[in-house]
Amino acid sequence: MESVLENETKRMQQLNDQDLVRGVLEGSHPHQRALYEQYSTPMFRVVLRFARDRAEAEDMLQDGFVRVFRDLAQFRGDGALGGWIRRIMVNTALSHLRKQKDFIRDIADFSPFENRFRTEEDFPSQMDAAALLQLLQKLPPGYRAVFNLYAVEGYSHEEIAEQLGITVGTSKSQLFKAREFLKKIIDKSYIT
């Protein structure tokens, strides 16, 4: 015989986004738990890409969910709740990174890097997600943030520059340097 808690958990898992949001806004603890349980794992993967390690990612996730619950009344339901939460998590991760000393150094002249960009074909296609994540966590914070925003989240350099308060050239150079850094690590790991 299933417990009352198991029945409640199953019922919560079947709620659509609007019902889940409505319950959280009404102060329902089961709804809050259900929202967290539904989105914590995928959002942890998001912030882990920006973090240097699991502990920092856990801090980002916790701060992100504090913001989600605080600002949930602003969710209009125009898009998916998961997309709205993801955006909060990315912004939270960036906020954490901005607090670090020398997060990104701005450069005035990007021309030395202009024609030296590599393509994704430079990276081994057989690399699994866990191995790539470990490599991303080795990147300096600025490289890691720009690489994730550009290559994973799909932001343009203009959007990244606005988001991070840097120039477009700096965004491009950080991406270039991140790719070069990753390529060196990958080359070294395949040689040894």
N, C-alpha and C. Protein backbone atom coordinates (compact mmCIF):
# COMPACT_ATOMS: atom_id res chain seq x y z
N MET A 1 0.84 -1.18 0.00
CA MET A 1 0.00 0.00 0.00
C MET A 1 0.89 1.25 0.00
N GLU A 2 0.58 2.16 -0.90
CA GLU A 2 1.39 3.37 -1.03
C GLU A 2 1.08 4.33 0.11
N SER A 3 2.11 5.02 0.53
CA SER A 3 1.93 6.01 1.59
C SER A 3 1.27 7.26 1.03
N VAL A 4 0.77 8.07 1.93
CA VAL A 4 0.14 9.34 1.55
C VAL A 4 1.16 10.22 0.84
N LEU A 5 2.41 10.23 1.34
CA LEU A 5 3.46 11.04 0.73
C LEU A 5 3.77 10.59 -0.69
N GLU A 6 3.83 9.26 -0.92
CA GLU A 6 4.09 8.75 -2.27
C GLU A 6 2.97 9.14 -3.23
N ASN A 7 1.72 9.05 -2.76
CA ASN A 7 0.57 9.45 -3.59
C ASN A 7 0.64 10.93 -3.93
N GLU A 8 0.96 11.74 -2.92
CA GLU A 8 1.06 13.19 -3.12
C GLU A 8 2.18 13.51 -4.11
N THR A 9 3.32 12.82 -3.99
CA THR A 9 4.45 13.03 -4.89
C THR A 9 4.06 12.69 -6.33
N LYS A 10 3.38 11.57 -6.53
CA LYS A 10 2.94 11.18 -7.88
C LYS A 10 1.97 12.20 -8.46
N ARG A 11 1.05 12.68 -7.61
CA ARG A 11 0.07 13.67 -8.07
C ARG A 11 0.77 14.97 -8.48
N MET A 12 1.76 15.39 -7.71
CA MET A 12 2.50 16.62 -8.00
C MET A 12 3.28 16.50 -9.30
N GLN A 13 3.81 15.32 -9.57
CA GLN A 13 4.60 15.12 -10.79
C GLN A 13 3.74 15.24 -12.05
N GLN A 14 2.45 15.08 -11.90
CA GLN A 14 1.56 15.14 -13.06
C GLN A 14 0.98 16.53 -13.30
N LEU A 15 1.31 17.48 -12.47
CA LEU A 15 0.79 18.84 -12.64
C LEU A 15 1.45 19.54 -13.82
N ASN A 16 0.67 20.34 -14.53
CA ASN A 16 1.27 21.15 -15.59
C ASN A 16 1.91 22.38 -14.96
N ASP A 17 2.66 23.12 -15.76
CA ASP A 17 3.41 24.27 -15.25
C ASP A 17 2.51 25.29 -14.56
N GLN A 18 1.36 25.59 -15.14
CA GLN A 18 0.48 26.62 -14.57
C GLN A 18 -0.04 26.20 -13.19
N ASP A 19 -0.43 24.91 -13.06
CA ASP A 19 -0.93 24.43 -11.77
C ASP A 19 0.19 24.41 -10.74
N LEU A 20 1.39 24.05 -11.17
CA LEU A 20 2.54 24.03 -10.28
C LEU A 20 2.86 25.44 -9.78
N VAL A 21 2.89 26.39 -10.70
CA VAL A 21 3.16 27.78 -10.34
C VAL A 21 2.08 28.32 -9.41
N ARG A 22 0.83 28.05 -9.74
CA ARG A 22 -0.28 28.53 -8.92
C ARG A 22 -0.16 27.99 -7.48
N GLY A 23 0.15 26.71 -7.34
CA GLY A 23 0.30 26.12 -6.02
C GLY A 23 1.45 26.73 -5.23
N VAL A 24 2.58 26.97 -5.91
CA VAL A 24 3.72 27.59 -5.23
C VAL A 24 3.36 29.00 -4.77
N LEU A 25 2.69 29.74 -5.64
CA LEU A 25 2.31 31.12 -5.30
C LEU A 25 1.31 31.17 -4.15
N GLU A 26 0.54 30.09 -3.99
CA GLU A 26 -0.41 30.01 -2.88
C GLU A 26 0.26 29.54 -1.59
N GLY A 27 1.56 29.23 -1.69
CA GLY A 27 2.31 28.84 -0.49
C GLY A 27 2.31 27.36 -0.18
N SER A 28 1.93 26.54 -1.14
CA SER A 28 1.87 25.09 -0.93
C SER A 28 3.28 24.49 -0.91
N HIS A 29 3.64 23.90 0.22
CA HIS A 29 4.96 23.27 0.33
C HIS A 29 5.11 22.06 -0.61
N PRO A 30 4.07 21.23 -0.78
CA PRO A 30 4.20 20.12 -1.75
C PRO A 30 4.45 20.64 -3.18
N HIS A 31 3.83 21.75 -3.54
CA HIS A 31 4.06 22.33 -4.86
C HIS A 31 5.49 22.85 -4.97
N GLN A 32 5.98 23.49 -3.91
CA GLN A 32 7.36 23.97 -3.92
C GLN A 32 8.33 22.81 -4.07
N ARG A 33 8.11 21.76 -3.32
CA ARG A 33 8.97 20.58 -3.40
C ARG A 33 8.91 19.97 -4.81
N ALA A 34 7.71 19.89 -5.36
CA ALA A 34 7.55 19.31 -6.69
C ALA A 34 8.29 20.13 -7.75
N LEU A 35 8.19 21.46 -7.66
CA LEU A 35 8.89 22.32 -8.62
C LEU A 35 10.40 22.10 -8.50
N TYR A 36 10.89 22.09 -7.27
CA TYR A 36 12.32 21.89 -7.06
C TYR A 36 12.76 20.52 -7.57
N GLU A 37 12.02 19.48 -7.24
CA GLU A 37 12.39 18.13 -7.67
C GLU A 37 12.35 17.98 -9.19
N GLN A 38 11.41 18.63 -9.81
CA GLN A 38 11.29 18.54 -11.27
C GLN A 38 12.44 19.24 -11.99
N TYR A 39 12.89 20.36 -11.46
CA TYR A 39 13.86 21.18 -12.18
C TYR A 39 15.26 21.19 -11.59
N SER A 40 15.48 20.67 -10.41
CA SER A 40 16.80 20.78 -9.79
C SER A 40 17.89 20.04 -10.56
N THR A 41 17.62 18.85 -11.04
CA THR A 41 18.66 18.10 -11.75
C THR A 41 19.05 18.76 -13.07
N PRO A 42 18.08 19.10 -13.94
CA PRO A 42 18.51 19.76 -15.19
C PRO A 42 19.16 21.12 -14.95
N MET A 43 18.72 21.85 -13.92
CA MET A 43 19.31 23.16 -13.65
C MET A 43 20.69 23.02 -13.01
N PHE A 44 20.90 21.94 -12.27
CA PHE A 44 22.23 21.69 -11.73
C PHE A 44 23.21 21.48 -12.87
N ARG A 45 22.79 20.78 -13.91
CA ARG A 45 23.65 20.59 -15.09
C ARG A 45 23.99 21.93 -15.74
N VAL A 46 23.05 22.83 -15.77
CA VAL A 46 23.29 24.15 -16.35
C VAL A 46 24.34 24.91 -15.55
N VAL A 47 24.15 25.03 -14.24
CA VAL A 47 25.08 25.82 -13.45
C VAL A 47 26.43 25.13 -13.30
N LEU A 48 26.45 23.80 -13.37
CA LEU A 48 27.71 23.07 -13.26
C LEU A 48 28.66 23.43 -14.40
N ARG A 49 28.13 23.74 -15.56
CA ARG A 49 28.97 24.15 -16.69
C ARG A 49 29.67 25.48 -16.42
N PHE A 50 29.07 26.33 -15.61
CA PHE A 50 29.65 27.64 -15.30
C PHE A 50 30.56 27.59 -14.07
N ALA A 51 30.38 26.59 -13.24
CA ALA A 51 31.10 26.50 -11.96
C ALA A 51 32.46 25.83 -12.14
N ARG A 52 33.36 26.10 -11.18
CA ARG A 52 34.67 25.45 -11.22
C ARG A 52 34.61 24.06 -10.59
N ASP A 53 33.57 23.80 -9.77
CA ASP A 53 33.43 22.49 -9.14
C ASP A 53 31.99 22.31 -8.66
N ARG A 54 31.70 21.13 -8.12
CA ARG A 54 30.34 20.81 -7.68
C ARG A 54 29.88 21.71 -6.54
N ALA A 55 30.79 22.02 -5.61
CA ALA A 55 30.40 22.85 -4.46
C ALA A 55 29.94 24.23 -4.93
N GLU A 56 30.69 24.82 -5.87
CA GLU A 56 30.29 26.13 -6.39
C GLU A 56 28.97 26.01 -7.15
N ALA A 57 28.78 24.92 -7.88
CA ALA A 57 27.53 24.71 -8.61
C ALA A 57 26.35 24.57 -7.65
N GLU A 58 26.56 23.89 -6.53
CA GLU A 58 25.50 23.75 -5.54
C GLU A 58 25.11 25.11 -4.96
N ASP A 59 26.09 25.97 -4.71
CA ASP A 59 25.80 27.32 -4.24
C ASP A 59 24.99 28.09 -5.29
N MET A 60 25.41 27.98 -6.55
CA MET A 60 24.69 28.67 -7.63
C MET A 60 23.26 28.16 -7.73
N LEU A 61 23.09 26.84 -7.63
CA LEU A 61 21.76 26.25 -7.73
C LEU A 61 20.86 26.75 -6.59
N GLN A 62 21.39 26.74 -5.38
CA GLN A 62 20.61 27.20 -4.23
C GLN A 62 20.20 28.66 -4.41
N ASP A 63 21.16 29.51 -4.77
CA ASP A 63 20.84 30.92 -4.99
C ASP A 63 19.84 31.08 -6.13
N GLY A 64 19.99 30.27 -7.16
CA GLY A 64 19.07 30.33 -8.29
C GLY A 64 17.65 29.99 -7.89
N PHE A 65 17.48 28.95 -7.08
CA PHE A 65 16.13 28.59 -6.65
C PHE A 65 15.55 29.60 -5.67
N VAL A 66 16.38 30.24 -4.89
CA VAL A 66 15.89 31.33 -4.04
C VAL A 66 15.29 32.41 -4.95
N ARG A 67 15.97 32.73 -6.02
CA ARG A 67 15.46 33.75 -6.97
C ARG A 67 14.20 33.27 -7.68
N VAL A 68 14.18 31.97 -8.05
CA VAL A 68 13.00 31.42 -8.72
C VAL A 68 11.78 31.58 -7.83
N PHE A 69 11.88 31.14 -6.57
CA PHE A 69 10.73 31.23 -5.67
C PHE A 69 10.38 32.68 -5.35
N ARG A 70 11.38 33.54 -5.24
CA ARG A 70 11.14 34.95 -4.95
C ARG A 70 10.42 35.65 -6.11
N ASP A 71 10.81 35.30 -7.34
CA ASP A 71 10.31 36.02 -8.52
C ASP A 71 9.25 35.26 -9.31
N LEU A 72 8.77 34.15 -8.79
CA LEU A 72 7.85 33.29 -9.55
C LEU A 72 6.59 34.03 -9.99
N ALA A 73 6.16 35.02 -9.24
CA ALA A 73 4.97 35.78 -9.62
C ALA A 73 5.18 36.51 -10.95
N GLN A 74 6.45 36.71 -11.34
CA GLN A 74 6.74 37.38 -12.61
C GLN A 74 6.63 36.45 -13.82
N PHE A 75 6.55 35.15 -13.57
CA PHE A 75 6.41 34.20 -14.67
C PHE A 75 5.03 34.38 -15.29
N ARG A 76 5.01 34.75 -16.57
CA ARG A 76 3.75 35.06 -17.26
C ARG A 76 3.13 33.84 -17.94
N GLY A 77 3.91 32.79 -18.11
CA GLY A 77 3.38 31.61 -18.77
C GLY A 77 3.43 31.68 -20.28
N ASP A 78 4.12 32.69 -20.84
CA ASP A 78 4.22 32.82 -22.30
C ASP A 78 5.03 31.68 -22.90
N GLY A 79 6.04 31.24 -22.17
CA GLY A 79 6.89 30.14 -22.62
C GLY A 79 6.91 29.06 -21.56
N ALA A 80 7.83 28.14 -21.72
CA ALA A 80 7.94 27.03 -20.78
C ALA A 80 8.54 27.51 -19.45
N LEU A 81 8.05 26.97 -18.38
CA LEU A 81 8.57 27.29 -17.05
C LEU A 81 10.04 26.90 -16.97
N GLY A 82 10.41 25.78 -17.55
CA GLY A 82 11.80 25.34 -17.54
C GLY A 82 12.73 26.33 -18.21
N GLY A 83 12.30 26.95 -19.28
CA GLY A 83 13.10 27.97 -19.96
C GLY A 83 13.28 29.21 -19.11
N TRP A 84 12.22 29.59 -18.41
CA TRP A 84 12.28 30.76 -17.51
C TRP A 84 13.24 30.47 -16.36
N ILE A 85 13.14 29.29 -15.79
CA ILE A 85 14.03 28.91 -14.68
C ILE A 85 15.47 28.83 -15.17
N ARG A 86 15.68 28.29 -16.35
CA ARG A 86 17.03 28.18 -16.92
C ARG A 86 17.68 29.55 -17.04
N ARG A 87 16.92 30.52 -17.51
CA ARG A 87 17.46 31.88 -17.65
C ARG A 87 17.88 32.44 -16.29
N ILE A 88 17.08 32.19 -15.28
CA ILE A 88 17.44 32.63 -13.93
C ILE A 88 18.72 31.94 -13.48
N MET A 89 18.84 30.66 -13.75
CA MET A 89 20.03 29.91 -13.34
C MET A 89 21.29 30.44 -14.04
N VAL A 90 21.18 30.72 -15.33
CA VAL A 90 22.33 31.27 -16.06
C VAL A 90 22.70 32.62 -15.48
N ASN A 91 21.70 33.47 -15.24
CA ASN A 91 21.98 34.80 -14.66
C ASN A 91 22.59 34.68 -13.26
N THR A 92 22.13 33.73 -12.49
CA THR A 92 22.68 33.51 -11.15
C THR A 92 24.13 33.05 -11.24
N ALA A 93 24.41 32.13 -12.16
CA ALA A 93 25.79 31.66 -12.34
C ALA A 93 26.69 32.81 -12.75
N LEU A 94 26.22 33.65 -13.67
CA LEU A 94 27.02 34.79 -14.11
C LEU A 94 27.23 35.78 -12.96
N SER A 95 26.23 35.96 -12.14
CA SER A 95 26.36 36.84 -10.99
C SER A 95 27.45 36.33 -10.04
N HIS A 96 27.49 35.03 -9.83
CA HIS A 96 28.54 34.44 -8.99
C HIS A 96 29.91 34.68 -9.61
N LEU A 97 30.01 34.49 -10.91
CA LEU A 97 31.30 34.64 -11.58
C LEU A 97 31.78 36.09 -11.57
N ARG A 98 30.86 37.02 -11.73
CA ARG A 98 31.23 38.44 -11.74
C ARG A 98 31.88 38.87 -10.43
N LYS A 99 31.55 38.19 -9.35
CA LYS A 99 32.10 38.53 -8.03
C LYS A 99 33.56 38.09 -7.88
N GLN A 100 34.03 37.25 -8.80
CA GLN A 100 35.40 36.77 -8.70
C GLN A 100 36.36 37.81 -9.24
N LYS A 101 37.50 37.92 -8.59
CA LYS A 101 38.52 38.88 -9.01
C LYS A 101 39.02 38.51 -10.41
N ASP A 102 39.22 39.50 -11.24
CA ASP A 102 39.70 39.30 -12.61
C ASP A 102 38.85 38.31 -13.40
N PHE A 103 37.54 38.42 -13.23
CA PHE A 103 36.63 37.53 -13.95
C PHE A 103 36.91 37.57 -15.45
N ILE A 104 36.91 38.76 -16.02
CA ILE A 104 37.22 38.95 -17.44
C ILE A 104 38.01 40.24 -17.57
N ARG A 105 39.06 40.17 -18.34
CA ARG A 105 39.81 41.38 -18.64
C ARG A 105 39.38 41.87 -20.01
N ASP A 106 39.00 43.12 -20.07
CA ASP A 106 38.55 43.72 -21.32
C ASP A 106 39.75 44.06 -22.20
N ILE A 107 39.62 43.80 -23.50
CA ILE A 107 40.67 44.20 -24.43
C ILE A 107 40.09 45.17 -25.44
N ALA A 108 40.90 46.09 -25.86
CA ALA A 108 40.43 47.13 -26.78
C ALA A 108 40.51 46.67 -28.24
N ASP A 109 41.55 45.96 -28.59
CA ASP A 109 41.78 45.59 -29.99
C ASP A 109 41.70 44.08 -30.16
N PHE A 110 40.67 43.65 -30.88
CA PHE A 110 40.46 42.23 -31.10
C PHE A 110 41.11 41.74 -32.39
N SER A 111 41.62 42.63 -33.21
CA SER A 111 42.10 42.26 -34.55
C SER A 111 43.11 41.11 -34.57
N PRO A 112 44.01 40.94 -33.59
CA PRO A 112 44.91 39.79 -33.67
C PRO A 112 44.20 38.44 -33.67
N PHE A 113 42.97 38.39 -33.16
CA PHE A 113 42.25 37.13 -33.06
C PHE A 113 41.23 36.94 -34.18
N GLU A 114 40.97 37.97 -34.95
CA GLU A 114 39.83 38.00 -35.87
C GLU A 114 39.75 36.79 -36.80
N ASN A 115 40.84 36.39 -37.39
CA ASN A 115 40.79 35.31 -38.38
C ASN A 115 41.33 33.98 -37.85
N ARG A 116 41.48 33.86 -36.55
CA ARG A 116 42.07 32.65 -36.00
C ARG A 116 41.06 31.76 -35.27
N PHE A 117 39.77 32.01 -35.43
CA PHE A 117 38.79 31.19 -34.73
C PHE A 117 38.81 29.77 -35.26
N ARG A 118 38.62 28.86 -34.35
CA ARG A 118 38.53 27.45 -34.69
C ARG A 118 37.04 27.08 -34.77
N THR A 119 36.80 25.98 -35.41
CA THR A 119 35.43 25.49 -35.48
C THR A 119 35.27 24.34 -34.51
N GLU A 120 34.02 23.92 -34.34
CA GLU A 120 33.75 22.83 -33.42
C GLU A 120 34.41 21.53 -33.88
N GLU A 121 34.77 21.43 -35.17
CA GLU A 121 35.41 20.21 -35.66
C GLU A 121 36.78 20.00 -35.03
N ASP A 122 37.34 21.04 -34.41
CA ASP A 122 38.64 20.89 -33.75
C ASP A 122 38.54 20.00 -32.52
N PHE A 123 37.35 19.79 -32.01
CA PHE A 123 37.18 19.01 -30.80
C PHE A 123 36.71 17.61 -31.15
N PRO A 124 37.24 16.61 -30.45
CA PRO A 124 36.86 15.23 -30.76
C PRO A 124 35.36 15.01 -30.59
N SER A 125 34.74 14.39 -31.57
CA SER A 125 33.30 14.17 -31.51
C SER A 125 32.94 13.03 -30.56
N GLN A 126 33.89 12.16 -30.27
CA GLN A 126 33.58 11.02 -29.41
C GLN A 126 33.66 11.36 -27.92
N MET A 127 33.98 12.60 -27.57
CA MET A 127 34.08 12.99 -26.17
C MET A 127 32.69 12.98 -25.53
N ASP A 128 32.56 12.34 -24.38
CA ASP A 128 31.27 12.29 -23.71
C ASP A 128 31.04 13.56 -22.89
N ALA A 129 29.80 13.73 -22.45
CA ALA A 129 29.41 14.95 -21.73
C ALA A 129 30.19 15.13 -20.43
N ALA A 130 30.42 14.05 -19.71
CA ALA A 130 31.14 14.15 -18.43
C ALA A 130 32.57 14.62 -18.65
N ALA A 131 33.22 14.10 -19.68
CA ALA A 131 34.60 14.51 -19.97
C ALA A 131 34.65 15.97 -20.39
N LEU A 132 33.68 16.39 -21.22
CA LEU A 132 33.63 17.79 -21.64
C LEU A 132 33.39 18.71 -20.44
N LEU A 133 32.50 18.30 -19.54
CA LEU A 133 32.23 19.09 -18.36
C LEU A 133 33.49 19.27 -17.52
N GLN A 134 34.26 18.21 -17.35
CA GLN A 134 35.50 18.31 -16.59
C GLN A 134 36.47 19.28 -17.25
N LEU A 135 36.52 19.27 -18.57
CA LEU A 135 37.39 20.21 -19.28
C LEU A 135 36.89 21.65 -19.10
N LEU A 136 35.59 21.85 -19.20
CA LEU A 136 35.05 23.20 -19.04
C LEU A 136 35.35 23.76 -17.66
N GLN A 137 35.33 22.91 -16.66
CA GLN A 137 35.58 23.38 -15.30
C GLN A 137 37.04 23.77 -15.09
N LYS A 138 37.92 23.37 -15.98
CA LYS A 138 39.33 23.76 -15.89
C LYS A 138 39.58 25.15 -16.48
N LEU A 139 38.60 25.65 -17.24
CA LEU A 139 38.75 26.97 -17.86
C LEU A 139 38.72 28.07 -16.80
N PRO A 140 39.46 29.15 -17.01
CA PRO A 140 39.31 30.32 -16.13
C PRO A 140 37.86 30.82 -16.21
N PRO A 141 37.35 31.46 -15.18
CA PRO A 141 35.94 31.84 -15.12
C PRO A 141 35.43 32.63 -16.34
N GLY A 142 36.20 33.59 -16.81
CA GLY A 142 35.76 34.39 -17.96
C GLY A 142 35.64 33.56 -19.22
N TYR A 143 36.63 32.72 -19.47
CA TYR A 143 36.58 31.83 -20.63
C TYR A 143 35.35 30.92 -20.53
N ARG A 144 35.18 30.34 -19.34
CA ARG A 144 34.09 29.38 -19.11
C ARG A 144 32.74 30.05 -19.35
N ALA A 145 32.56 31.26 -18.84
CA ALA A 145 31.28 31.95 -18.99
C ALA A 145 30.99 32.26 -20.45
N VAL A 146 31.94 32.83 -21.15
CA VAL A 146 31.71 33.19 -22.55
C VAL A 146 31.52 31.94 -23.41
N PHE A 147 32.34 30.92 -23.19
CA PHE A 147 32.19 29.68 -23.95
C PHE A 147 30.79 29.10 -23.76
N ASN A 148 30.33 29.02 -22.52
CA ASN A 148 29.00 28.47 -22.25
C ASN A 148 27.90 29.32 -22.87
N LEU A 149 28.00 30.63 -22.70
CA LEU A 149 26.97 31.50 -23.25
C LEU A 149 26.91 31.41 -24.76
N TYR A 150 28.07 31.33 -25.40
CA TYR A 150 28.10 31.31 -26.86
C TYR A 150 27.82 29.91 -27.42
N ALA A 151 28.62 28.93 -27.00
CA ALA A 151 28.56 27.60 -27.61
C ALA A 151 27.40 26.75 -27.11
N VAL A 152 26.98 26.95 -25.87
CA VAL A 152 25.94 26.08 -25.31
C VAL A 152 24.58 26.79 -25.26
N GLU A 153 24.57 28.01 -24.74
CA GLU A 153 23.31 28.73 -24.59
C GLU A 153 22.87 29.44 -25.86
N GLY A 154 23.79 29.65 -26.82
CA GLY A 154 23.42 30.24 -28.10
C GLY A 154 23.34 31.75 -28.14
N TYR A 155 23.94 32.43 -27.18
CA TYR A 155 23.94 33.89 -27.18
C TYR A 155 24.90 34.41 -28.26
N SER A 156 24.61 35.57 -28.80
CA SER A 156 25.52 36.22 -29.74
C SER A 156 26.59 36.97 -28.94
N HIS A 157 27.66 37.38 -29.61
CA HIS A 157 28.70 38.14 -28.91
C HIS A 157 28.15 39.48 -28.39
N GLU A 158 27.21 40.06 -29.12
CA GLU A 158 26.61 41.31 -28.68
C GLU A 158 25.82 41.09 -27.39
N GLU A 159 25.07 40.00 -27.34
CA GLU A 159 24.29 39.69 -26.14
C GLU A 159 25.21 39.37 -24.95
N ILE A 160 26.28 38.65 -25.23
CA ILE A 160 27.24 38.31 -24.16
C ILE A 160 27.88 39.58 -23.63
N ALA A 161 28.28 40.46 -24.53
CA ALA A 161 28.91 41.72 -24.12
C ALA A 161 27.97 42.51 -23.22
N GLU A 162 26.72 42.59 -23.60
CA GLU A 162 25.74 43.32 -22.80
C GLU A 162 25.52 42.62 -21.45
N GLN A 163 25.40 41.32 -21.47
CA GLN A 163 25.15 40.54 -20.26
C GLN A 163 26.29 40.65 -19.25
N LEU A 164 27.54 40.67 -19.75
CA LEU A 164 28.70 40.68 -18.87
C LEU A 164 29.33 42.05 -18.69
N GLY A 165 28.84 43.05 -19.41
CA GLY A 165 29.40 44.40 -19.28
C GLY A 165 30.80 44.51 -19.86
N ILE A 166 31.01 43.86 -21.00
CA ILE A 166 32.30 43.87 -21.68
C ILE A 166 32.09 44.29 -23.12
N THR A 167 33.17 44.44 -23.88
CA THR A 167 33.04 44.76 -25.30
C THR A 167 32.81 43.49 -26.10
N VAL A 168 32.30 43.65 -27.33
CA VAL A 168 32.12 42.52 -28.23
C VAL A 168 33.48 41.87 -28.51
N GLY A 169 34.51 42.68 -28.69
CA GLY A 169 35.85 42.16 -28.93
C GLY A 169 36.35 41.29 -27.79
N THR A 170 36.06 41.71 -26.59
CA THR A 170 36.48 40.91 -25.43
C THR A 170 35.73 39.58 -25.41
N SER A 171 34.46 39.61 -25.74
CA SER A 171 33.69 38.37 -25.80
C SER A 171 34.31 37.42 -26.83
N LYS A 172 34.64 37.95 -27.99
CA LYS A 172 35.24 37.12 -29.04
C LYS A 172 36.61 36.59 -28.61
N SER A 173 37.40 37.42 -27.96
CA SER A 173 38.73 36.97 -27.56
C SER A 173 38.64 35.92 -26.46
N GLN A 174 37.67 36.09 -25.53
CA GLN A 174 37.50 35.09 -24.47
C GLN A 174 37.07 33.76 -25.06
N LEU A 175 36.21 33.79 -26.07
CA LEU A 175 35.79 32.55 -26.74
C LEU A 175 36.98 31.91 -27.45
N PHE A 176 37.74 32.71 -28.17
CA PHE A 176 38.92 32.20 -28.86
C PHE A 176 39.89 31.56 -27.87
N LYS A 177 40.15 32.28 -26.78
CA LYS A 177 41.10 31.77 -25.78
C LYS A 177 40.56 30.51 -25.10
N ALA A 178 39.26 30.46 -24.87
CA ALA A 178 38.66 29.25 -24.28
C ALA A 178 38.84 28.06 -25.20
N ARG A 179 38.60 28.27 -26.49
CA ARG A 179 38.76 27.17 -27.45
C ARG A 179 40.22 26.72 -27.54
N GLU A 180 41.13 27.68 -27.55
CA GLU A 180 42.55 27.34 -27.58
C GLU A 180 42.96 26.57 -26.32
N PHE A 181 42.48 27.03 -25.18
CA PHE A 181 42.77 26.38 -23.90
C PHE A 181 42.25 24.94 -23.91
N LEU A 182 40.99 24.77 -24.35
CA LEU A 182 40.41 23.43 -24.42
C LEU A 182 41.16 22.54 -25.40
N LYS A 183 41.54 23.12 -26.53
CA LYS A 183 42.27 22.34 -27.54
C LYS A 183 43.60 21.84 -26.98
N LYS A 184 44.32 22.69 -26.24
CA LYS A 184 45.59 22.27 -25.64
C LYS A 184 45.38 21.15 -24.64
N ILE A 185 44.34 21.27 -23.83
CA ILE A 185 44.06 20.22 -22.84
C ILE A 185 43.70 18.92 -23.55
N ILE A 186 42.88 19.02 -24.58
CA ILE A 186 42.44 17.82 -25.31
C ILE A 186 43.64 17.18 -26.01
N ASP A 187 44.45 18.01 -26.69
CA ASP A 187 45.63 17.48 -27.36
C ASP A 187 46.54 16.77 -26.37
N LYS A 188 46.74 17.38 -25.22
CA LYS A 188 47.60 16.79 -24.20
C LYS A 188 47.04 15.46 -23.70
N SER A 189 45.71 15.38 -23.54
CA SER A 189 45.11 14.14 -23.02
C SER A 189 45.13 13.04 -24.07
N TYR A 190 45.11 13.37 -25.35
CA TYR A 190 45.16 12.35 -26.38
C TYR A 190 46.58 11.89 -26.65
N ILE A 191 47.55 12.74 -26.33
CA ILE A 191 48.95 12.37 -26.53
C ILE A 191 49.40 11.42 -25.42
N THR A 192 48.93 11.67 -24.19
CA THR A 192 49.37 10.84 -23.06
C THR A 192 48.54 9.62 -22.87
